[in-house]
Amino acid sequence: MWHKPHRRRADIAASWQHAKTQFAAVVAERDQLKHELAQTQQELASARQSVHDLRGVIDEMLATRRACEMAEAELVRLYRERDIARARAAERDPALPLN
């Protein structure tokens, strides 16, 4: 009445072949991931270089803008000095009223 359940015999050759197939798939996936990592690292290095280059360009632009602002302020100062010099040099007609 009590009998042992039927055990299925393991097919060693098929199991070995299945393990080899799974291992090959894992190795292929690992190699693909290594390739993707290398490509991503190259893209990251390129992006970092671009950021570095752009920062240099931005620094140049800011320096140019500061130089323009300083030149504009100097121009305003020179126009004011010119107007003052013209006013001092102008002779007032004594016949005209002051206001």
C-alpha atoms as a PDB file:
ATOM      1  CA  MET A   1       0.000   0.000   0.000  1.00  0.00           C
ATOM      2  CA  TRP A   2       2.742   2.365   0.817  1.00  0.00           C
ATOM      3  CA  HIS A   3       4.882   2.574  -2.192  1.00  0.00           C
ATOM      4  CA  LYS A   4       7.621   4.896  -3.137  1.00  0.00           C
ATOM      5  CA  PRO A   5       6.774   7.568  -5.659  1.00  0.00           C
ATOM      6  CA  HIS A   6       8.308   7.033  -9.027  1.00  0.00           C
ATOM      7  CA  ARG A   7      11.445   8.995  -9.367  1.00  0.00           C
ATOM      8  CA  ARG A   8      12.349  10.396 -12.699  1.00  0.00           C
ATOM      9  CA  ARG A   9      15.870   9.661 -13.645  1.00  0.00           C
ATOM     10  CA  ALA A  10      17.908  12.743 -14.431  1.00  0.00           C
ATOM     11  CA  ASP A  11      19.202  12.898 -17.939  1.00  0.00           C
ATOM     12  CA  ILE A  12      22.780  13.958 -17.205  1.00  0.00           C
ATOM     13  CA  ALA A  13      23.660  14.705 -20.821  1.00  0.00           C
ATOM     14  CA  ALA A  14      20.614  16.932 -21.310  1.00  0.00           C
ATOM     15  CA  SER A  15      21.214  18.681 -17.971  1.00  0.00           C
ATOM     16  CA  TRP A  16      24.845  19.309 -18.889  1.00  0.00           C
ATOM     17  CA  GLN A  17      23.832  20.689 -22.279  1.00  0.00           C
ATOM     18  CA  HIS A  18      21.214  22.950 -20.650  1.00  0.00           C
ATOM     19  CA  ALA A  19      23.787  24.252 -18.142  1.00  0.00           C
ATOM     20  CA  LYS A  20      26.252  24.959 -20.967  1.00  0.00           C
ATOM     21  CA  THR A  21      23.565  26.856 -22.882  1.00  0.00           C
ATOM     22  CA  GLN A  22      22.663  28.939 -19.843  1.00  0.00           C
ATOM     23  CA  PHE A  23      26.315  29.669 -19.120  1.00  0.00           C
ATOM     24  CA  ALA A  24      26.889  30.746 -22.726  1.00  0.00           C
ATOM     25  CA  ALA A  25      23.902  33.082 -22.483  1.00  0.00           C
ATOM     26  CA  VAL A  26      25.208  34.606 -19.248  1.00  0.00           C
ATOM     27  CA  VAL A  27      28.685  35.062 -20.760  1.00  0.00           C
ATOM     28  CA  ALA A  28      27.191  36.711 -23.860  1.00  0.00           C
ATOM     29  CA  GLU A  29      25.110  39.055 -21.689  1.00  0.00           C
ATOM     30  CA  ARG A  30      28.188  39.914 -19.595  1.00  0.00           C
ATOM     31  CA  ASP A  31      30.191  40.699 -22.723  1.00  0.00           C
ATOM     32  CA  GLN A  32      27.366  42.878 -24.065  1.00  0.00           C
ATOM     33  CA  LEU A  33      27.167  44.759 -20.768  1.00  0.00           C
ATOM     34  CA  LYS A  34      30.939  45.290 -20.781  1.00  0.00           C
ATOM     35  CA  HIS A  35      30.691  46.711 -24.297  1.00  0.00           C
ATOM     36  CA  GLU A  36      27.808  49.008 -23.281  1.00  0.00           C
ATOM     37  CA  LEU A  37      29.775  50.145 -20.218  1.00  0.00           C
ATOM     38  CA  ALA A  38      32.810  51.023 -22.332  1.00  0.00           C
ATOM     39  CA  GLN A  39      30.625  52.920 -24.793  1.00  0.00           C
ATOM     40  CA  THR A  40      28.861  54.788 -21.972  1.00  0.00           C
ATOM     41  CA  GLN A  41      32.203  55.690 -20.394  1.00  0.00           C
ATOM     42  CA  GLN A  42      33.394  57.108 -23.726  1.00  0.00           C
ATOM     43  CA  GLU A  43      30.198  59.134 -24.083  1.00  0.00           C
ATOM     44  CA  LEU A  44      30.585  60.421 -20.524  1.00  0.00           C
ATOM     45  CA  ALA A  45      34.185  61.468 -21.171  1.00  0.00           C
ATOM     46  CA  SER A  46      33.079  63.249 -24.344  1.00  0.00           C
ATOM     47  CA  ALA A  47      30.256  65.022 -22.498  1.00  0.00           C
ATOM     48  CA  ARG A  48      32.623  66.095 -19.724  1.00  0.00           C
ATOM     49  CA  GLN A  49      35.041  67.504 -22.307  1.00  0.00           C
ATOM     50  CA  SER A  50      32.173  69.399 -23.953  1.00  0.00           C
ATOM     51  CA  VAL A  51      31.135  70.849 -20.591  1.00  0.00           C
ATOM     52  CA  HIS A  52      34.732  71.894 -19.935  1.00  0.00           C
ATOM     53  CA  ASP A  53      34.963  73.558 -23.363  1.00  0.00           C
ATOM     54  CA  LEU A  54      31.626  75.323 -22.878  1.00  0.00           C
ATOM     55  CA  ARG A  55      32.700  76.637 -19.490  1.00  0.00           C
ATOM     56  CA  GLY A  56      35.746  78.147 -21.158  1.00  0.00           C
ATOM     57  CA  VAL A  57      33.559  79.819 -23.780  1.00  0.00           C
ATOM     58  CA  ILE A  58      31.188  81.126 -21.100  1.00  0.00           C
ATOM     59  CA  ASP A  59      34.123  82.535 -19.118  1.00  0.00           C
ATOM     60  CA  GLU A  60      35.347  84.328 -22.257  1.00  0.00           C
ATOM     61  CA  MET A  61      31.863  85.709 -22.920  1.00  0.00           C
ATOM     62  CA  LEU A  62      31.546  86.957 -19.338  1.00  0.00           C
ATOM     63  CA  ALA A  63      34.947  88.648 -19.534  1.00  0.00           C
ATOM     64  CA  THR A  64      33.933  90.291 -22.812  1.00  0.00           C
ATOM     65  CA  ARG A  65      30.633  91.452 -21.327  1.00  0.00           C
ATOM     66  CA  ARG A  66      32.409  92.942 -18.300  1.00  0.00           C
ATOM     67  CA  ALA A  67      34.831  94.747 -20.628  1.00  0.00           C
ATOM     68  CA  CYS A  68      31.871  96.142 -22.623  1.00  0.00           C
ATOM     69  CA  GLU A  69      30.161  97.351 -19.454  1.00  0.00           C
ATOM     70  CA  MET A  70      33.360  99.043 -18.297  1.00  0.00           C
ATOM     71  CA  ALA A  71      33.809 100.664 -21.718  1.00  0.00           C
ATOM     72  CA  GLU A  72      30.212 101.921 -21.676  1.00  0.00           C
ATOM     73  CA  ALA A  73      30.699 103.405 -18.202  1.00  0.00           C
ATOM     74  CA  GLU A  74      33.914 105.096 -19.371  1.00  0.00           C
ATOM     75  CA  LEU A  75      32.087 106.473 -22.412  1.00  0.00           C
ATOM     76  CA  VAL A  76      29.343 107.933 -20.199  1.00  0.00           C
ATOM     77  CA  ARG A  77      32.038 109.524 -18.008  1.00  0.00           C
ATOM     78  CA  LEU A  78      33.806 111.000 -21.038  1.00  0.00           C
ATOM     79  CA  TYR A  79      30.553 112.418 -22.470  1.00  0.00           C
ATOM     80  CA  ARG A  80      29.855 114.040 -19.114  1.00  0.00           C
ATOM     81  CA  GLU A  81      33.337 115.558 -18.993  1.00  0.00           C
ATOM     82  CA  ARG A  82      32.914 116.813 -22.547  1.00  0.00           C
ATOM     83  CA  ASP A  83      29.581 118.436 -21.687  1.00  0.00           C
ATOM     84  CA  ILE A  84      31.114 120.072 -18.611  1.00  0.00           C
ATOM     85  CA  ALA A  85      34.071 121.344 -20.654  1.00  0.00           C
ATOM     86  CA  ARG A  86      31.718 122.733 -23.305  1.00  0.00           C
ATOM     87  CA  ALA A  87      29.642 124.469 -20.663  1.00  0.00           C
ATOM     88  CA  ARG A  88      32.723 126.061 -19.107  1.00  0.00           C
ATOM     89  CA  ALA A  89      34.066 127.140 -22.470  1.00  0.00           C
ATOM     90  CA  ALA A  90      30.824 128.709 -23.641  1.00  0.00           C
ATOM     91  CA  GLU A  91      30.724 132.465 -23.198  1.00  0.00           C
ATOM     92  CA  ARG A  92      27.570 133.792 -21.743  1.00  0.00           C
ATOM     93  CA  ASP A  93      25.983 136.721 -23.498  1.00  0.00           C
ATOM     94  CA  PRO A  94      25.690 139.357 -20.789  1.00  0.00           C
ATOM     95  CA  ALA A  95      22.615 140.854 -22.541  1.00  0.00           C
ATOM     96  CA  LEU A  96      20.595 137.648 -22.021  1.00  0.00           C
ATOM     97  CA  PRO A  97      18.812 137.064 -18.713  1.00  0.00           C
ATOM     98  CA  LEU A  98      20.122 134.229 -16.532  1.00  0.00           C
ATOM     99  CA  ASN A  99      16.798 132.337 -16.560  1.00  0.00           C
END
